[in-house]
Amino acid sequence: MRLLVLGGTRFLGRHVAVAALERGHDVATFTRGVSGEPPEGARALRGDRNDPAALATALDGWQPELVVDTSCQTRAAADNAAAALDGVGGSALRGYAFVSSLNAYRDWPPGPIGREDDEPTWDTADDDYGPIKAYAERTLAAVLGDRFLTARAGLIVGPYDPLYRLGWWLDRVARGGRVVVPDARGQPMAMVDARDLATWLVDMAEQGRSGAVNATGSAGMTTLGEVLDLCRDVTGGDAEWVAVAEEELLAAGVQPWVHLPFWLPAGDARTAWDVDTTRARELGLPSRPLHDSVADTWAWQRVSDRPDVPPGRDLPGLPPEVERQLLAAR
């Protein structure tokens, strides 16, 4: 079938394109063309999603039967996709899988998040990430109806990850020595490998599934300490964990999630990772061993030009001078 990936050159979108090509689909990607080329075998369509005419112009009569949308970052992008695809071949469009976020929920973080239909989503007009995702869900669902599935993704990891969160830990742990870590090794975590999510999104589009799905790993699947230990295992480093209490980290200006990726203050961590993924499991969202995700990310990092952080984002990671300060006190 003809499958359109909105996105398709970076991280999740790239994995979607690869998964679709492996299924034998006729794959096209739609991007601005500033983040590289799609995988070999996919046709590259160019345009800016914020331009109302761009998608229809790029399609130029090529009518997708399936769509996986990994790149909707603005309200205009949602409006334009809905308008361009509304009339595509009448009933030719069989399934549209949209990558949303847990941030679409009004009460996350800190959560917890129960079944999808029981939790309110944002309905405000501000241009923050969560409200934009919730708006896109409503806009596209209004046009596509029961052909539309929204995957509210949580933490995504794996090769080609441009956000450099797991990547920062891998690099820092590989350097070895004494490493500042939060005194919260038991903090629960949940994540999904981009390759598992990508394959599943293609499945959902093929099957014409609809509704909302919390598309992340199962609650309690791992802990921060287990992730750090995996980073040490796969890099072969001799890192020594130096645990620092939350109060001291905050007093030193350490920003949760940003300076120490994956770390959340205890008040948030108790509930932020508690997300009901029953429907995702029922619909077959896979979960490969976390060791494989960490090891494959490290293998990719060792041969890639990184970090490939999107424009407008700062590099994550603990500033060296702050790390030296914290280590000197021990």
C-alpha atoms as a PDB file:
ATOM      1  CA  MET A   1       0.000   0.000   0.000  1.00  0.00           C
ATOM      2  CA  ARG A   2       0.981   3.624  -0.358  1.00  0.00           C
ATOM      3  CA  LEU A   3       2.167   4.834   3.048  1.00  0.00           C
ATOM      4  CA  LEU A   4       3.019   8.443   3.838  1.00  0.00           C
ATOM      5  CA  VAL A   5       5.283   9.281   6.750  1.00  0.00           C
ATOM      6  CA  LEU A   6       4.945  12.849   7.936  1.00  0.00           C
ATOM      7  CA  GLY A   7       8.537  13.086   9.060  1.00  0.00           C
ATOM      8  CA  GLY A   8      10.736  10.176   8.135  1.00  0.00           C
ATOM      9  CA  THR A   9      14.360  11.280   8.285  1.00  0.00           C
ATOM     10  CA  ARG A  10      14.987  11.523  12.044  1.00  0.00           C
ATOM     11  CA  PHE A  11      14.645   9.041  14.877  1.00  0.00           C
ATOM     12  CA  LEU A  12      11.088   7.683  15.181  1.00  0.00           C
ATOM     13  CA  GLY A  13      10.041   8.823  11.716  1.00  0.00           C
ATOM     14  CA  ARG A  14      13.056   7.158  10.166  1.00  0.00           C
ATOM     15  CA  HIS A  15      12.283   3.905  11.954  1.00  0.00           C
ATOM     16  CA  VAL A  16       8.673   4.120  10.729  1.00  0.00           C
ATOM     17  CA  ALA A  17       9.853   4.509   7.139  1.00  0.00           C
ATOM     18  CA  VAL A  18      12.202   1.526   7.513  1.00  0.00           C
ATOM     19  CA  ALA A  19       9.452  -0.623   9.044  1.00  0.00           C
ATOM     20  CA  ALA A  20       7.040   0.288   6.261  1.00  0.00           C
ATOM     21  CA  LEU A  21       9.611  -0.449   3.550  1.00  0.00           C
ATOM     22  CA  GLU A  22      10.317  -3.826   5.113  1.00  0.00           C
ATOM     23  CA  ARG A  23       6.583  -4.580   4.850  1.00  0.00           C
ATOM     24  CA  GLY A  24       6.747  -3.891   1.126  1.00  0.00           C
ATOM     25  CA  HIS A  25       4.795  -0.623   1.192  1.00  0.00           C
ATOM     26  CA  ASP A  26       5.287   2.162  -1.337  1.00  0.00           C
ATOM     27  CA  VAL A  27       6.682   4.741   1.123  1.00  0.00           C
ATOM     28  CA  ALA A  28       6.933   8.499   0.834  1.00  0.00           C
ATOM     29  CA  THR A  29       8.258  10.869   3.492  1.00  0.00           C
ATOM     30  CA  PHE A  30       7.252  14.507   3.806  1.00  0.00           C
ATOM     31  CA  THR A  31       9.832  16.807   5.421  1.00  0.00           C
ATOM     32  CA  ARG A  32      11.432  20.203   4.965  1.00  0.00           C
ATOM     33  CA  GLY A  33      14.606  18.474   3.821  1.00  0.00           C
ATOM     34  CA  VAL A  34      16.870  19.992   6.485  1.00  0.00           C
ATOM     35  CA  SER A  35      17.482  16.877   8.589  1.00  0.00           C
ATOM     36  CA  GLY A  36      18.869  14.488   6.033  1.00  0.00           C
ATOM     37  CA  GLU A  37      17.418  12.032   3.581  1.00  0.00           C
ATOM     38  CA  PRO A  38      14.866   9.253   4.144  1.00  0.00           C
ATOM     39  CA  PRO A  39      15.946   5.612   4.093  1.00  0.00           C
ATOM     40  CA  GLU A  40      16.826   4.183   0.701  1.00  0.00           C
ATOM     41  CA  GLY A  41      13.710   3.086  -1.132  1.00  0.00           C
ATOM     42  CA  ALA A  42      11.440   5.854   0.148  1.00  0.00           C
ATOM     43  CA  ARG A  43      10.513   8.794  -2.029  1.00  0.00           C
ATOM     44  CA  ALA A  44      11.356  12.189  -0.520  1.00  0.00           C
ATOM     45  CA  LEU A  45       8.580  14.775  -0.672  1.00  0.00           C
ATOM     46  CA  ARG A  46       9.550  18.292   0.384  1.00  0.00           C
ATOM     47  CA  GLY A  47       7.586  21.032   2.062  1.00  0.00           C
ATOM     48  CA  ASP A  48       6.857  22.966   5.229  1.00  0.00           C
ATOM     49  CA  ARG A  49       3.865  21.645   7.175  1.00  0.00           C
ATOM     50  CA  ASN A  50       3.043  25.182   8.260  1.00  0.00           C
ATOM     51  CA  ASP A  51       2.394  26.122   4.615  1.00  0.00           C
ATOM     52  CA  PRO A  52      -1.282  25.355   3.820  1.00  0.00           C
ATOM     53  CA  ALA A  53      -0.522  24.354   0.232  1.00  0.00           C
ATOM     54  CA  ALA A  54       2.706  22.415   0.784  1.00  0.00           C
ATOM     55  CA  LEU A  55       1.434  18.905   1.464  1.00  0.00           C
ATOM     56  CA  ALA A  56      -1.125  18.801  -1.332  1.00  0.00           C
ATOM     57  CA  THR A  57       1.455  20.231  -3.730  1.00  0.00           C
ATOM     58  CA  ALA A  58       4.065  17.675  -2.716  1.00  0.00           C
ATOM     59  CA  LEU A  59       1.650  14.763  -3.068  1.00  0.00           C
ATOM     60  CA  ASP A  60       0.807  15.884  -6.606  1.00  0.00           C
ATOM     61  CA  GLY A  61      -1.814  13.196  -7.094  1.00  0.00           C
ATOM     62  CA  TRP A  62       0.001  10.475  -5.133  1.00  0.00           C
ATOM     63  CA  GLN A  63      -2.768   9.318  -2.807  1.00  0.00           C
ATOM     64  CA  PRO A  64      -1.677   7.689   0.437  1.00  0.00           C
ATOM     65  CA  GLU A  65      -3.713   4.814   1.768  1.00  0.00           C
ATOM     66  CA  LEU A  66      -1.932   4.890   5.136  1.00  0.00           C
ATOM     67  CA  VAL A  67      -0.364   7.750   7.101  1.00  0.00           C
ATOM     68  CA  VAL A  68       1.951   7.729  10.104  1.00  0.00           C
ATOM     69  CA  ASP A  69       2.420  11.237  11.476  1.00  0.00           C
ATOM     70  CA  THR A  70       5.549  11.696  13.590  1.00  0.00           C
ATOM     71  CA  SER A  71       6.244  15.403  13.102  1.00  0.00           C
ATOM     72  CA  CYS A  72       3.246  17.548  14.081  1.00  0.00           C
ATOM     73  CA  GLN A  73       4.651  20.378  16.195  1.00  0.00           C
ATOM     74  CA  THR A  74       2.227  23.252  15.537  1.00  0.00           C
ATOM     75  CA  ARG A  75      -1.500  23.875  15.293  1.00  0.00           C
ATOM     76  CA  ALA A  76      -1.054  24.943  11.679  1.00  0.00           C
ATOM     77  CA  ALA A  77       0.607  21.621  10.865  1.00  0.00           C
ATOM     78  CA  ALA A  78      -2.441  19.774  12.185  1.00  0.00           C
ATOM     79  CA  ASP A  79      -4.873  22.038  10.346  1.00  0.00           C
ATOM     80  CA  ASN A  80      -2.993  21.686   7.077  1.00  0.00           C
ATOM     81  CA  ALA A  81      -2.706  17.902   7.286  1.00  0.00           C
ATOM     82  CA  ALA A  82      -6.418  17.615   8.024  1.00  0.00           C
ATOM     83  CA  ALA A  83      -7.305  19.841   5.081  1.00  0.00           C
ATOM     84  CA  ALA A  84      -4.936  18.125   2.641  1.00  0.00           C
ATOM     85  CA  LEU A  85      -5.973  14.594   3.564  1.00  0.00           C
ATOM     86  CA  ASP A  86      -9.690  15.176   4.108  1.00  0.00           C
ATOM     87  CA  GLY A  87     -10.568  14.492   0.510  1.00  0.00           C
ATOM     88  CA  VAL A  88      -7.817  12.046  -0.425  1.00  0.00           C
ATOM     89  CA  GLY A  89      -9.465   9.508  -2.667  1.00  0.00           C
ATOM     90  CA  GLY A  90     -12.673   9.432  -0.660  1.00  0.00           C
ATOM     91  CA  SER A  91     -12.305   6.199   1.268  1.00  0.00           C
ATOM     92  CA  ALA A  92      -8.779   5.521  -0.023  1.00  0.00           C
ATOM     93  CA  LEU A  93      -7.193   6.623   3.257  1.00  0.00           C
ATOM     94  CA  ARG A  94      -7.574   3.537   5.429  1.00  0.00           C
ATOM     95  CA  GLY A  95      -5.620   4.437   8.543  1.00  0.00           C
ATOM     96  CA  TYR A  96      -3.846   7.387  10.156  1.00  0.00           C
ATOM     97  CA  ALA A  97      -1.574   6.759  13.159  1.00  0.00           C
ATOM     98  CA  PHE A  98      -0.624   9.968  14.925  1.00  0.00           C
ATOM     99  CA  VAL A  99       2.260  10.313  17.378  1.00  0.00           C
ATOM    100  CA  SER A 100       1.040  12.434  20.250  1.00  0.00           C
ATOM    101  CA  SER A 101       2.461  12.600  23.764  1.00  0.00           C
ATOM    102  CA  LEU A 102       1.546  11.967  27.363  1.00  0.00           C
ATOM    103  CA  ASN A 103       1.933  15.748  27.618  1.00  0.00           C
ATOM    104  CA  ALA A 104      -1.456  15.980  25.900  1.00  0.00           C
ATOM    105  CA  TYR A 105      -2.953  15.069  29.284  1.00  0.00           C
ATOM    106  CA  ARG A 106      -3.817  18.089  31.372  1.00  0.00           C
ATOM    107  CA  ASP A 107      -2.622  16.404  34.570  1.00  0.00           C
ATOM    108  CA  TRP A 108       0.698  14.946  33.370  1.00  0.00           C
ATOM    109  CA  PRO A 109       3.187  15.378  34.751  1.00  0.00           C
ATOM    110  CA  PRO A 110       2.936  14.464  37.579  1.00  0.00           C
ATOM    111  CA  GLY A 111       0.075  12.055  36.840  1.00  0.00           C
ATOM    112  CA  PRO A 112      -0.712   9.253  37.450  1.00  0.00           C
ATOM    113  CA  ILE A 113      -2.501   8.471  34.179  1.00  0.00           C
ATOM    114  CA  GLY A 114      -5.265   5.877  34.026  1.00  0.00           C
ATOM    115  CA  ARG A 115      -7.189   4.542  31.039  1.00  0.00           C
ATOM    116  CA  GLU A 116      -7.146   6.881  28.057  1.00  0.00           C
ATOM    117  CA  ASP A 117     -10.832   7.807  28.034  1.00  0.00           C
ATOM    118  CA  ASP A 118     -10.822   8.615  31.741  1.00  0.00           C
ATOM    119  CA  GLU A 119      -8.176  11.345  31.650  1.00  0.00           C
ATOM    120  CA  PRO A 120      -8.735  14.966  30.518  1.00  0.00           C
ATOM    121  CA  THR A 121      -6.548  16.458  27.790  1.00  0.00           C
ATOM    122  CA  TRP A 122      -5.610  20.090  27.269  1.00  0.00           C
ATOM    123  CA  ASP A 123      -8.218  22.357  25.691  1.00  0.00           C
ATOM    124  CA  THR A 124      -6.406  25.690  26.016  1.00  0.00           C
ATOM    125  CA  ALA A 125      -5.265  27.910  23.151  1.00  0.00           C
ATOM    126  CA  ASP A 126      -1.674  28.427  24.278  1.00  0.00           C
ATOM    127  CA  ASP A 127       1.183  27.170  22.139  1.00  0.00           C
ATOM    128  CA  ASP A 128       2.857  24.858  24.603  1.00  0.00           C
ATOM    129  CA  TYR A 129       3.766  21.331  23.561  1.00  0.00           C
ATOM    130  CA  GLY A 130       0.979  19.498  25.378  1.00  0.00           C
ATOM    131  CA  PRO A 131      -1.892  21.751  24.288  1.00  0.00           C
ATOM    132  CA  ILE A 132      -0.634  21.631  20.688  1.00  0.00           C
ATOM    133  CA  LYS A 133      -0.650  17.828  20.700  1.00  0.00           C
ATOM    134  CA  ALA A 134      -4.147  17.731  22.200  1.00  0.00           C
ATOM    135  CA  TYR A 135      -5.385  20.220  19.586  1.00  0.00           C
ATOM    136  CA  ALA A 136      -3.861  18.139  16.791  1.00  0.00           C
ATOM    137  CA  GLU A 137      -5.594  15.023  18.112  1.00  0.00           C
ATOM    138  CA  ARG A 138      -8.995  16.744  18.060  1.00  0.00           C
ATOM    139  CA  THR A 139      -8.469  18.367  14.671  1.00  0.00           C
ATOM    140  CA  LEU A 140      -7.372  15.208  12.886  1.00  0.00           C
ATOM    141  CA  ALA A 141      -9.942  12.996  14.609  1.00  0.00           C
ATOM    142  CA  ALA A 142     -12.720  15.347  13.504  1.00  0.00           C
ATOM    143  CA  VAL A 143     -11.761  14.726   9.866  1.00  0.00           C
ATOM    144  CA  LEU A 144     -10.655  11.101   9.968  1.00  0.00           C
ATOM    145  CA  GLY A 145     -13.072   9.617  12.475  1.00  0.00           C
ATOM    146  CA  ASP A 146     -12.613   5.909  13.065  1.00  0.00           C
ATOM    147  CA  ARG A 147      -9.562   5.811  10.788  1.00  0.00           C
ATOM    148  CA  PHE A 148      -7.549   7.845  13.327  1.00  0.00           C
ATOM    149  CA  LEU A 149      -5.401   6.467  16.157  1.00  0.00           C
ATOM    150  CA  THR A 150      -3.446   8.730  18.495  1.00  0.00           C
ATOM    151  CA  ALA A 151      -0.438   7.211  20.227  1.00  0.00           C
ATOM    152  CA  ARG A 152       0.332   9.192  23.373  1.00  0.00           C
ATOM    153  CA  ALA A 153       3.990   8.363  23.625  1.00  0.00           C
ATOM    154  CA  GLY A 154       6.156   8.599  26.701  1.00  0.00           C
ATOM    155  CA  LEU A 155       9.938   8.287  26.817  1.00  0.00           C
ATOM    156  CA  ILE A 156      11.278   6.926  23.506  1.00  0.00           C
ATOM    157  CA  VAL A 157      14.815   5.537  23.249  1.00  0.00           C
ATOM    158  CA  GLY A 158      16.950   3.783  20.672  1.00  0.00           C
ATOM    159  CA  PRO A 159      19.333   4.394  17.764  1.00  0.00           C
ATOM    160  CA  TYR A 160      19.081   7.732  15.908  1.00  0.00           C
ATOM    161  CA  ASP A 161      17.785   9.449  19.070  1.00  0.00           C
ATOM    162  CA  PRO A 162      18.535  13.172  18.594  1.00  0.00           C
ATOM    163  CA  LEU A 163      17.623  14.259  22.117  1.00  0.00           C
ATOM    164  CA  TYR A 164      20.805  12.883  23.724  1.00  0.00           C
ATOM    165  CA  ARG A 165      19.316  11.897  27.056  1.00  0.00           C
ATOM    166  CA  LEU A 166      20.232   8.213  27.150  1.00  0.00           C
ATOM    167  CA  GLY A 167      23.113   9.259  24.920  1.00  0.00           C
ATOM    168  CA  TRP A 168      24.527  11.638  27.504  1.00  0.00           C
ATOM    169  CA  TRP A 169      24.491   8.970  30.200  1.00  0.00           C
ATOM    170  CA  LEU A 170      26.220   6.514  27.858  1.00  0.00           C
ATOM    171  CA  ASP A 171      28.973   8.971  26.999  1.00  0.00           C
ATOM    172  CA  ARG A 172      29.469  10.085  30.586  1.00  0.00           C
ATOM    173  CA  VAL A 173      29.510   6.549  31.971  1.00  0.00           C
ATOM    174  CA  ALA A 174      31.917   5.437  29.230  1.00  0.00           C
ATOM    175  CA  ARG A 175      34.422   8.068  30.416  1.00  0.00           C
ATOM    176  CA  GLY A 176      34.436   6.284  33.764  1.00  0.00           C
ATOM    177  CA  GLY A 177      35.597   7.513  37.127  1.00  0.00           C
ATOM    178  CA  ARG A 178      33.328   8.957  39.779  1.00  0.00           C
ATOM    179  CA  VAL A 179      29.933   9.862  38.328  1.00  0.00           C
ATOM    180  CA  VAL A 180      27.328  11.993  40.079  1.00  0.00           C
ATOM    181  CA  VAL A 181      23.976  10.221  40.128  1.00  0.00           C
ATOM    182  CA  PRO A 182      20.763  11.088  41.979  1.00  0.00           C
ATOM    183  CA  ASP A 183      20.232   9.351  45.277  1.00  0.00           C
ATOM    184  CA  ALA A 184      17.119   7.865  43.677  1.00  0.00           C
ATOM    185  CA  ARG A 185      18.262   4.655  42.050  1.00  0.00           C
ATOM    186  CA  GLY A 186      14.914   3.069  42.841  1.00  0.00           C
ATOM    187  CA  GLN A 187      12.992   5.713  40.878  1.00  0.00           C
ATOM    188  CA  PRO A 188      10.635   3.808  38.559  1.00  0.00           C
ATOM    189  CA  MET A 189      10.928   4.359  34.822  1.00  0.00           C
ATOM    190  CA  ALA A 190       9.141   3.267  31.680  1.00  0.00           C
ATOM    191  CA  MET A 191      10.231   3.665  28.081  1.00  0.00           C
ATOM    192  CA  VAL A 192       9.643   2.272  24.613  1.00  0.00           C
ATOM    193  CA  ASP A 193      12.178   1.490  21.905  1.00  0.00           C
ATOM    194  CA  ALA A 194      11.626   3.637  18.817  1.00  0.00           C
ATOM    195  CA  ARG A 195      11.843   0.550  16.593  1.00  0.00           C
ATOM    196  CA  ASP A 196       9.095  -1.228  18.532  1.00  0.00           C
ATOM    197  CA  LEU A 197       6.897   1.854  18.467  1.00  0.00           C
ATOM    198  CA  ALA A 198       7.542   2.381  14.741  1.00  0.00           C
ATOM    199  CA  THR A 199       6.610  -1.170  13.756  1.00  0.00           C
ATOM    200  CA  TRP A 200       3.495  -0.979  15.903  1.00  0.00           C
ATOM    201  CA  LEU A 201       2.437   2.348  14.377  1.00  0.00           C
ATOM    202  CA  VAL A 202       2.598   0.791  10.913  1.00  0.00           C
ATOM    203  CA  ASP A 203       0.535  -2.128  12.256  1.00  0.00           C
ATOM    204  CA  MET A 204      -2.089   0.256  13.651  1.00  0.00           C
ATOM    205  CA  ALA A 205      -2.376   2.174  10.387  1.00  0.00           C
ATOM    206  CA  GLU A 206      -2.648  -1.057   8.389  1.00  0.00           C
ATOM    207  CA  GLN A 207      -5.396  -2.319  10.676  1.00  0.00           C
ATOM    208  CA  GLY A 208      -7.256   1.001  10.648  1.00  0.00           C
ATOM    209  CA  ARG A 209      -7.278   1.147  14.442  1.00  0.00           C
ATOM    210  CA  SER A 210      -8.772   4.161  16.167  1.00  0.00           C
ATOM    211  CA  GLY A 211      -8.873   5.918  19.503  1.00  0.00           C
ATOM    212  CA  ALA A 212      -6.223   6.935  21.997  1.00  0.00           C
ATOM    213  CA  VAL A 213      -3.451   4.684  23.298  1.00  0.00           C
ATOM    214  CA  ASN A 214      -0.856   5.318  26.015  1.00  0.00           C
ATOM    215  CA  ALA A 215       2.087   4.141  23.929  1.00  0.00           C
ATOM    216  CA  THR A 216       4.937   3.625  26.338  1.00  0.00           C
ATOM    217  CA  GLY A 217       6.506   0.889  28.403  1.00  0.00           C
ATOM    218  CA  SER A 218       4.684  -0.834  31.216  1.00  0.00           C
ATOM    219  CA  ALA A 219       4.685   0.875  34.610  1.00  0.00           C
ATOM    220  CA  GLY A 220       7.472  -0.512  36.776  1.00  0.00           C
ATOM    221  CA  MET A 221       9.404  -2.050  33.882  1.00  0.00           C
ATOM    222  CA  THR A 222      12.722  -0.682  35.160  1.00  0.00           C
ATOM    223  CA  THR A 223      14.345   1.818  37.493  1.00  0.00           C
ATOM    224  CA  LEU A 224      16.808   4.636  37.088  1.00  0.00           C
ATOM    225  CA  GLY A 225      19.454   2.522  38.801  1.00  0.00           C
ATOM    226  CA  GLU A 226      18.925  -0.376  36.422  1.00  0.00           C
ATOM    227  CA  VAL A 227      19.271   1.959  33.422  1.00  0.00           C
ATOM    228  CA  LEU A 228      22.532   3.390  34.784  1.00  0.00           C
ATOM    229  CA  ASP A 229      23.892  -0.100  35.434  1.00  0.00           C
ATOM    230  CA  LEU A 230      23.020  -1.085  31.861  1.00  0.00           C
ATOM    231  CA  CYS A 231      24.912   1.961  30.589  1.00  0.00           C
ATOM    232  CA  ARG A 232      27.963   0.796  32.526  1.00  0.00           C
ATOM    233  CA  ASP A 233      27.580  -2.768  31.318  1.00  0.00           C
ATOM    234  CA  VAL A 234      27.309  -1.962  27.604  1.00  0.00           C
ATOM    235  CA  THR A 235      30.071   0.668  27.567  1.00  0.00           C
ATOM    236  CA  GLY A 236      32.471  -1.475  29.574  1.00  0.00           C
ATOM    237  CA  GLY A 237      33.306   1.524  31.736  1.00  0.00           C
ATOM    238  CA  ASP A 238      34.580   1.554  35.313  1.00  0.00           C
ATOM    239  CA  ALA A 239      32.180   4.251  36.481  1.00  0.00           C
ATOM    240  CA  GLU A 240      31.676   4.592  40.230  1.00  0.00           C
ATOM    241  CA  TRP A 241      28.289   5.942  41.272  1.00  0.00           C
ATOM    242  CA  VAL A 242      28.400   8.903  43.639  1.00  0.00           C
ATOM    243  CA  ALA A 243      24.868   9.326  44.943  1.00  0.00           C
ATOM    244  CA  VAL A 244      23.809  12.883  45.796  1.00  0.00           C
ATOM    245  CA  ALA A 245      20.626  13.736  47.658  1.00  0.00           C
ATOM    246  CA  GLU A 246      17.840  15.618  45.885  1.00  0.00           C
ATOM    247  CA  GLU A 247      18.139  18.621  48.194  1.00  0.00           C
ATOM    248  CA  GLU A 248      21.834  19.046  47.428  1.00  0.00           C
ATOM    249  CA  LEU A 249      21.345  18.632  43.700  1.00  0.00           C
ATOM    250  CA  LEU A 250      18.652  21.298  43.642  1.00  0.00           C
ATOM    251  CA  ALA A 251      20.720  23.634  45.822  1.00  0.00           C
ATOM    252  CA  ALA A 252      23.590  23.307  43.332  1.00  0.00           C
ATOM    253  CA  GLY A 253      21.283  24.388  40.495  1.00  0.00           C
ATOM    254  CA  VAL A 254      20.935  20.938  38.946  1.00  0.00           C
ATOM    255  CA  GLN A 255      17.820  20.901  36.777  1.00  0.00           C
ATOM    256  CA  PRO A 256      15.827  17.665  36.911  1.00  0.00           C
ATOM    257  CA  TRP A 257      15.571  15.845  33.572  1.00  0.00           C
ATOM    258  CA  VAL A 258      17.838  18.408  31.890  1.00  0.00           C
ATOM    259  CA  HIS A 259      21.165  18.208  33.734  1.00  0.00           C
ATOM    260  CA  LEU A 260      20.623  14.637  34.901  1.00  0.00           C
ATOM    261  CA  PRO A 261      18.416  13.047  32.225  1.00  0.00           C
ATOM    262  CA  PHE A 262      15.569  10.819  33.436  1.00  0.00           C
ATOM    263  CA  TRP A 263      15.816  12.099  37.018  1.00  0.00           C
ATOM    264  CA  LEU A 264      12.679  13.648  38.505  1.00  0.00           C
ATOM    265  CA  PRO A 265      12.202  14.993  42.026  1.00  0.00           C
ATOM    266  CA  ALA A 266      10.645  12.410  44.295  1.00  0.00           C
ATOM    267  CA  GLY A 267       7.304  14.220  44.405  1.00  0.00           C
ATOM    268  CA  ASP A 268       6.903  13.873  40.646  1.00  0.00           C
ATOM    269  CA  ALA A 269       8.659  10.543  40.166  1.00  0.00           C
ATOM    270  CA  ARG A 270       6.191   8.732  42.421  1.00  0.00           C
ATOM    271  CA  THR A 271       3.385   9.234  39.900  1.00  0.00           C
ATOM    272  CA  ALA A 272       4.826  10.459  36.578  1.00  0.00           C
ATOM    273  CA  TRP A 273       5.864   6.948  35.552  1.00  0.00           C
ATOM    274  CA  ASP A 274       2.538   5.423  36.637  1.00  0.00           C
ATOM    275  CA  VAL A 275       0.747   5.236  33.287  1.00  0.00           C
ATOM    276  CA  ASP A 276      -1.888   2.654  32.404  1.00  0.00           C
ATOM    277  CA  THR A 277      -0.746   0.914  29.210  1.00  0.00           C
ATOM    278  CA  THR A 278      -3.366  -1.834  29.217  1.00  0.00           C
ATOM    279  CA  ARG A 279      -4.726  -0.859  25.799  1.00  0.00           C
ATOM    280  CA  ALA A 280      -1.244  -0.671  24.277  1.00  0.00           C
ATOM    281  CA  ARG A 281      -0.536  -4.188  25.474  1.00  0.00           C
ATOM    282  CA  GLU A 282      -3.905  -5.400  24.155  1.00  0.00           C
ATOM    283  CA  LEU A 283      -3.078  -3.914  20.761  1.00  0.00           C
ATOM    284  CA  GLY A 284       0.287  -5.630  20.692  1.00  0.00           C
ATOM    285  CA  LEU A 285       2.783  -2.823  21.375  1.00  0.00           C
ATOM    286  CA  PRO A 286       6.004  -4.821  21.778  1.00  0.00           C
ATOM    287  CA  SER A 287       8.748  -4.276  24.326  1.00  0.00           C
ATOM    288  CA  ARG A 288      12.186  -5.638  23.507  1.00  0.00           C
ATOM    289  CA  PRO A 289      14.693  -6.203  26.329  1.00  0.00           C
ATOM    290  CA  LEU A 290      15.938  -2.871  27.642  1.00  0.00           C
ATOM    291  CA  HIS A 291      19.509  -4.140  27.388  1.00  0.00           C
ATOM    292  CA  ASP A 292      19.092  -4.336  23.611  1.00  0.00           C
ATOM    293  CA  SER A 293      17.831  -0.758  23.399  1.00  0.00           C
ATOM    294  CA  VAL A 294      20.740   0.572  25.453  1.00  0.00           C
ATOM    295  CA  ALA A 295      23.361  -1.551  23.679  1.00  0.00           C
ATOM    296  CA  ASP A 296      22.078  -0.670  20.205  1.00  0.00           C
ATOM    297  CA  THR A 297      21.993   3.035  21.071  1.00  0.00           C
ATOM    298  CA  TRP A 298      25.606   2.828  22.229  1.00  0.00           C
ATOM    299  CA  ALA A 299      26.631   0.965  19.072  1.00  0.00           C
ATOM    300  CA  TRP A 300      25.001   3.664  16.944  1.00  0.00           C
ATOM    301  CA  GLN A 301      26.557   6.490  18.945  1.00  0.00           C
ATOM    302  CA  ARG A 302      30.037   5.128  18.459  1.00  0.00           C
ATOM    303  CA  VAL A 303      29.804   5.552  14.687  1.00  0.00           C
ATOM    304  CA  SER A 304      27.471   8.534  14.376  1.00  0.00           C
ATOM    305  CA  ASP A 305      27.949  12.277  14.240  1.00  0.00           C
ATOM    306  CA  ARG A 306      26.305  13.308  17.473  1.00  0.00           C
ATOM    307  CA  PRO A 307      24.710  14.871  19.391  1.00  0.00           C
ATOM    308  CA  ASP A 308      22.143  15.776  16.752  1.00  0.00           C
ATOM    309  CA  VAL A 309      20.016  17.985  18.990  1.00  0.00           C
ATOM    310  CA  PRO A 310      17.102  19.772  17.290  1.00  0.00           C
ATOM    311  CA  PRO A 311      17.387  23.553  16.857  1.00  0.00           C
ATOM    312  CA  GLY A 312      16.246  25.537  19.867  1.00  0.00           C
ATOM    313  CA  ARG A 313      17.181  22.830  22.379  1.00  0.00           C
ATOM    314  CA  ASP A 314      20.152  22.920  24.696  1.00  0.00           C
ATOM    315  CA  LEU A 315      22.350  19.901  25.149  1.00  0.00           C
ATOM    316  CA  PRO A 316      21.311  17.861  28.180  1.00  0.00           C
ATOM    317  CA  GLY A 317      23.830  16.798  30.760  1.00  0.00           C
ATOM    318  CA  LEU A 318      25.457  17.904  33.971  1.00  0.00           C
ATOM    319  CA  PRO A 319      27.767  20.908  33.454  1.00  0.00           C
ATOM    320  CA  PRO A 320      31.347  19.801  34.229  1.00  0.00           C
ATOM    321  CA  GLU A 321      31.896  22.577  36.746  1.00  0.00           C
ATOM    322  CA  VAL A 322      28.800  21.513  38.700  1.00  0.00           C
ATOM    323  CA  GLU A 323      29.925  17.897  38.630  1.00  0.00           C
ATOM    324  CA  ARG A 324      33.369  18.895  39.953  1.00  0.00           C
ATOM    325  CA  GLN A 325      31.747  20.906  42.732  1.00  0.00           C
ATOM    326  CA  LEU A 326      29.511  18.043  43.814  1.00  0.00           C
ATOM    327  CA  LEU A 327      32.309  15.465  43.658  1.00  0.00           C
ATOM    328  CA  ALA A 328      34.702  17.686  45.616  1.00  0.00           C
ATOM    329  CA  ALA A 329      32.319  17.613  48.545  1.00  0.00           C
ATOM    330  CA  ARG A 330      32.754  13.820  48.805  1.00  0.00           C
END
